[in-house]
N, C-alpha and C. Protein backbone atom coordinates (compact mmCIF):
# COMPACT_ATOMS: atom_id res chain seq x y z
N UNK A 1 -5.15 1.89 15.82
CA UNK A 1 -4.09 2.82 15.54
C UNK A 1 -4.65 4.08 14.89
N UNK A 2 -4.27 5.21 15.41
CA UNK A 2 -4.72 6.47 14.86
C UNK A 2 -3.90 6.83 13.64
N UNK A 3 -4.58 7.31 12.61
CA UNK A 3 -3.88 7.68 11.38
C UNK A 3 -3.04 8.93 11.61
N UNK A 4 -1.91 8.99 10.95
CA UNK A 4 -1.04 10.16 11.06
C UNK A 4 -1.69 11.36 10.38
N UNK A 5 -1.14 12.53 10.67
CA UNK A 5 -1.65 13.74 10.01
C UNK A 5 -1.48 13.65 8.50
N UNK A 6 -0.37 13.06 8.06
CA UNK A 6 -0.14 12.92 6.63
C UNK A 6 -1.23 12.06 5.98
N UNK A 7 -1.58 10.96 6.63
CA UNK A 7 -2.62 10.07 6.11
C UNK A 7 -3.97 10.77 6.09
N UNK A 8 -4.27 11.55 7.12
CA UNK A 8 -5.53 12.27 7.16
C UNK A 8 -5.61 13.31 6.06
N UNK A 9 -4.52 14.03 5.83
CA UNK A 9 -4.49 15.03 4.76
C UNK A 9 -4.65 14.35 3.41
N UNK A 10 -3.93 13.26 3.19
CA UNK A 10 -4.02 12.53 1.93
C UNK A 10 -5.45 12.04 1.67
N UNK A 11 -6.06 11.47 2.69
CA UNK A 11 -7.43 10.97 2.53
C UNK A 11 -8.40 12.10 2.19
N UNK A 12 -8.27 13.23 2.87
CA UNK A 12 -9.15 14.36 2.61
C UNK A 12 -8.98 14.88 1.18
N UNK A 13 -7.74 15.08 0.75
CA UNK A 13 -7.48 15.59 -0.60
C UNK A 13 -7.99 14.60 -1.65
N UNK A 14 -7.70 13.32 -1.47
CA UNK A 14 -8.11 12.31 -2.45
C UNK A 14 -9.64 12.24 -2.57
N UNK A 15 -10.33 12.32 -1.45
CA UNK A 15 -11.80 12.25 -1.49
C UNK A 15 -12.41 13.43 -2.22
N UNK A 16 -11.73 14.58 -2.20
CA UNK A 16 -12.22 15.75 -2.91
C UNK A 16 -12.00 15.63 -4.42
N UNK A 17 -11.03 14.84 -4.83
CA UNK A 17 -10.67 14.74 -6.25
C UNK A 17 -11.48 13.69 -7.01
N UNK A 18 -11.91 12.63 -6.34
CA UNK A 18 -12.50 11.49 -7.04
C UNK A 18 -14.02 11.58 -7.11
N UNK A 19 -14.59 10.77 -8.02
CA UNK A 19 -16.05 10.70 -8.14
C UNK A 19 -16.67 9.78 -7.09
N UNK A 20 -15.90 8.79 -6.62
CA UNK A 20 -16.40 7.82 -5.65
C UNK A 20 -15.55 7.88 -4.36
N UNK A 21 -15.85 8.83 -3.46
CA UNK A 21 -15.04 8.98 -2.25
C UNK A 21 -15.04 7.75 -1.34
N UNK A 22 -16.06 6.92 -1.44
CA UNK A 22 -16.13 5.74 -0.57
C UNK A 22 -15.08 4.69 -0.96
N UNK A 23 -14.51 4.80 -2.16
CA UNK A 23 -13.50 3.85 -2.62
C UNK A 23 -12.08 4.25 -2.23
N UNK A 24 -11.93 5.40 -1.61
CA UNK A 24 -10.59 5.89 -1.22
C UNK A 24 -10.14 5.15 0.03
N UNK A 25 -8.97 4.51 -0.06
CA UNK A 25 -8.38 3.80 1.07
C UNK A 25 -6.93 4.22 1.20
N UNK A 26 -6.57 4.69 2.40
CA UNK A 26 -5.19 5.07 2.68
C UNK A 26 -4.63 4.11 3.72
N UNK A 27 -3.54 3.44 3.37
CA UNK A 27 -2.87 2.57 4.34
C UNK A 27 -1.49 3.15 4.60
N UNK A 28 -0.99 2.85 5.78
CA UNK A 28 0.24 3.49 6.23
C UNK A 28 1.16 2.45 6.86
N UNK A 29 2.42 2.50 6.46
CA UNK A 29 3.43 1.64 7.07
C UNK A 29 4.66 2.49 7.39
N UNK A 30 5.40 2.07 8.38
CA UNK A 30 6.63 2.77 8.74
C UNK A 30 7.81 1.89 8.38
N UNK A 31 8.75 2.46 7.64
CA UNK A 31 9.96 1.75 7.24
C UNK A 31 11.14 2.58 7.72
N UNK A 32 11.66 2.21 8.87
CA UNK A 32 12.75 2.95 9.53
C UNK A 32 12.27 4.37 9.83
N UNK A 33 12.83 5.38 9.19
CA UNK A 33 12.43 6.75 9.48
C UNK A 33 11.52 7.33 8.41
N UNK A 34 11.04 6.50 7.50
CA UNK A 34 10.17 6.97 6.42
C UNK A 34 8.77 6.39 6.60
N UNK A 35 7.77 7.25 6.54
CA UNK A 35 6.37 6.82 6.61
C UNK A 35 5.89 6.61 5.18
N UNK A 36 5.47 5.39 4.86
CA UNK A 36 5.00 5.07 3.51
C UNK A 36 3.47 5.07 3.50
N UNK A 37 2.92 5.86 2.61
CA UNK A 37 1.47 5.93 2.44
C UNK A 37 1.10 5.30 1.11
N UNK A 38 0.08 4.46 1.14
CA UNK A 38 -0.43 3.83 -0.07
C UNK A 38 -1.86 4.32 -0.27
N UNK A 39 -2.12 4.90 -1.42
CA UNK A 39 -3.44 5.42 -1.75
C UNK A 39 -4.08 4.51 -2.79
N UNK A 40 -5.23 3.97 -2.45
CA UNK A 40 -6.00 3.16 -3.39
C UNK A 40 -7.31 3.88 -3.67
N UNK A 41 -7.63 4.03 -4.95
CA UNK A 41 -8.89 4.66 -5.36
C UNK A 41 -9.56 3.76 -6.37
N UNK A 42 -10.79 4.08 -6.71
CA UNK A 42 -11.51 3.31 -7.72
C UNK A 42 -10.77 3.35 -9.05
N UNK A 43 -10.93 2.30 -9.82
CA UNK A 43 -10.20 2.18 -11.08
C UNK A 43 -10.46 3.36 -12.02
N UNK A 44 -11.68 3.87 -12.01
CA UNK A 44 -12.04 4.98 -12.89
C UNK A 44 -11.44 6.31 -12.42
N UNK A 45 -11.02 6.38 -11.17
CA UNK A 45 -10.53 7.64 -10.59
C UNK A 45 -9.02 7.75 -10.52
N UNK A 46 -8.30 6.72 -10.92
CA UNK A 46 -6.83 6.75 -10.83
C UNK A 46 -6.27 7.92 -11.64
N UNK A 47 -6.79 8.14 -12.81
CA UNK A 47 -6.32 9.23 -13.66
C UNK A 47 -6.53 10.60 -13.04
N UNK A 48 -7.61 10.77 -12.31
CA UNK A 48 -7.88 12.05 -11.66
C UNK A 48 -6.88 12.33 -10.56
N UNK A 49 -6.47 11.29 -9.84
CA UNK A 49 -5.53 11.47 -8.74
C UNK A 49 -4.12 11.70 -9.28
N UNK A 50 -3.77 11.02 -10.36
CA UNK A 50 -2.43 11.18 -10.94
C UNK A 50 -2.34 12.49 -11.72
N UNK A 51 -3.37 12.81 -12.47
CA UNK A 51 -3.39 14.05 -13.24
C UNK A 51 -2.61 13.93 -14.54
N UNK A 52 -2.79 14.92 -15.38
CA UNK A 52 -2.12 14.93 -16.68
C UNK A 52 -0.62 15.11 -16.48
N UNK A 53 0.12 14.15 -16.97
CA UNK A 53 1.57 14.21 -16.83
C UNK A 53 2.06 14.03 -15.39
N UNK A 54 1.19 13.56 -14.52
CA UNK A 54 1.59 13.35 -13.13
C UNK A 54 1.61 14.61 -12.28
N UNK A 55 1.04 15.69 -12.79
CA UNK A 55 1.10 16.96 -12.06
C UNK A 55 0.32 16.93 -10.75
N UNK A 56 -0.84 16.28 -10.75
CA UNK A 56 -1.64 16.22 -9.53
C UNK A 56 -0.92 15.38 -8.47
N UNK A 57 -0.36 14.25 -8.87
CA UNK A 57 0.38 13.40 -7.93
C UNK A 57 1.58 14.15 -7.36
N UNK A 58 2.25 14.91 -8.20
CA UNK A 58 3.41 15.69 -7.75
C UNK A 58 2.97 16.75 -6.73
N UNK A 59 1.84 17.39 -6.97
CA UNK A 59 1.33 18.40 -6.04
C UNK A 59 0.93 17.77 -4.70
N UNK A 60 0.31 16.59 -4.75
CA UNK A 60 -0.08 15.90 -3.52
C UNK A 60 1.17 15.51 -2.74
N UNK A 61 2.18 15.02 -3.43
CA UNK A 61 3.45 14.66 -2.75
C UNK A 61 4.09 15.88 -2.11
N UNK A 62 4.05 17.02 -2.78
CA UNK A 62 4.63 18.25 -2.22
C UNK A 62 3.88 18.67 -0.96
N UNK A 63 2.56 18.56 -0.99
CA UNK A 63 1.75 18.90 0.18
C UNK A 63 2.06 17.96 1.35
N UNK A 64 2.17 16.67 1.06
CA UNK A 64 2.50 15.70 2.11
C UNK A 64 3.90 15.95 2.68
N UNK A 65 4.82 16.37 1.82
CA UNK A 65 6.18 16.66 2.29
C UNK A 65 6.17 17.82 3.27
N UNK A 66 5.35 18.83 3.02
CA UNK A 66 5.25 19.97 3.94
C UNK A 66 4.71 19.51 5.30
N UNK A 67 3.66 18.72 5.28
CA UNK A 67 3.07 18.23 6.53
C UNK A 67 4.07 17.35 7.28
N UNK A 68 4.77 16.48 6.56
CA UNK A 68 5.73 15.59 7.19
C UNK A 68 6.91 16.37 7.77
N UNK A 69 7.36 17.38 7.07
CA UNK A 69 8.47 18.19 7.56
C UNK A 69 8.09 18.90 8.85
N UNK A 70 6.87 19.36 8.92
CA UNK A 70 6.39 20.01 10.16
C UNK A 70 6.37 19.02 11.32
N UNK A 71 6.12 17.75 11.02
CA UNK A 71 6.09 16.72 12.05
C UNK A 71 7.47 16.10 12.29
N UNK A 72 8.47 16.51 11.50
CA UNK A 72 9.81 15.99 11.66
C UNK A 72 10.00 14.59 11.12
N UNK A 73 9.22 14.21 10.11
CA UNK A 73 9.31 12.88 9.51
C UNK A 73 9.50 13.01 8.00
N UNK A 74 9.66 11.88 7.34
CA UNK A 74 9.71 11.83 5.87
C UNK A 74 8.56 10.97 5.41
N UNK A 75 8.06 11.25 4.22
CA UNK A 75 6.90 10.52 3.72
C UNK A 75 7.13 10.12 2.27
N UNK A 76 6.58 8.95 1.92
CA UNK A 76 6.65 8.43 0.56
C UNK A 76 5.23 8.02 0.17
N UNK A 77 4.78 8.41 -1.02
CA UNK A 77 3.42 8.12 -1.46
C UNK A 77 3.44 7.19 -2.66
N UNK A 78 2.63 6.14 -2.58
CA UNK A 78 2.40 5.24 -3.72
C UNK A 78 0.91 5.27 -4.04
N UNK A 79 0.60 5.42 -5.30
CA UNK A 79 -0.80 5.45 -5.74
C UNK A 79 -1.09 4.16 -6.48
N UNK A 80 -2.07 3.42 -5.99
CA UNK A 80 -2.45 2.13 -6.59
C UNK A 80 -3.77 2.29 -7.33
């Protein structure tokens, strides 16, 4: 299965943020009309992806929303 554009964007952004890009794993599931993305990173890098006060996670979600809107879908992001 080919990864969606949203998953590709998420993986690219996450790999740029973390110290260990090889630990970045993006999984994707479809739940009715919503595409759910799960981002797993190394334990030491979770804080970098979430950011202070959740600002980085909010920015990533906003970026994914733009990509999903262009594709005519909805997206939900969970960071593990």
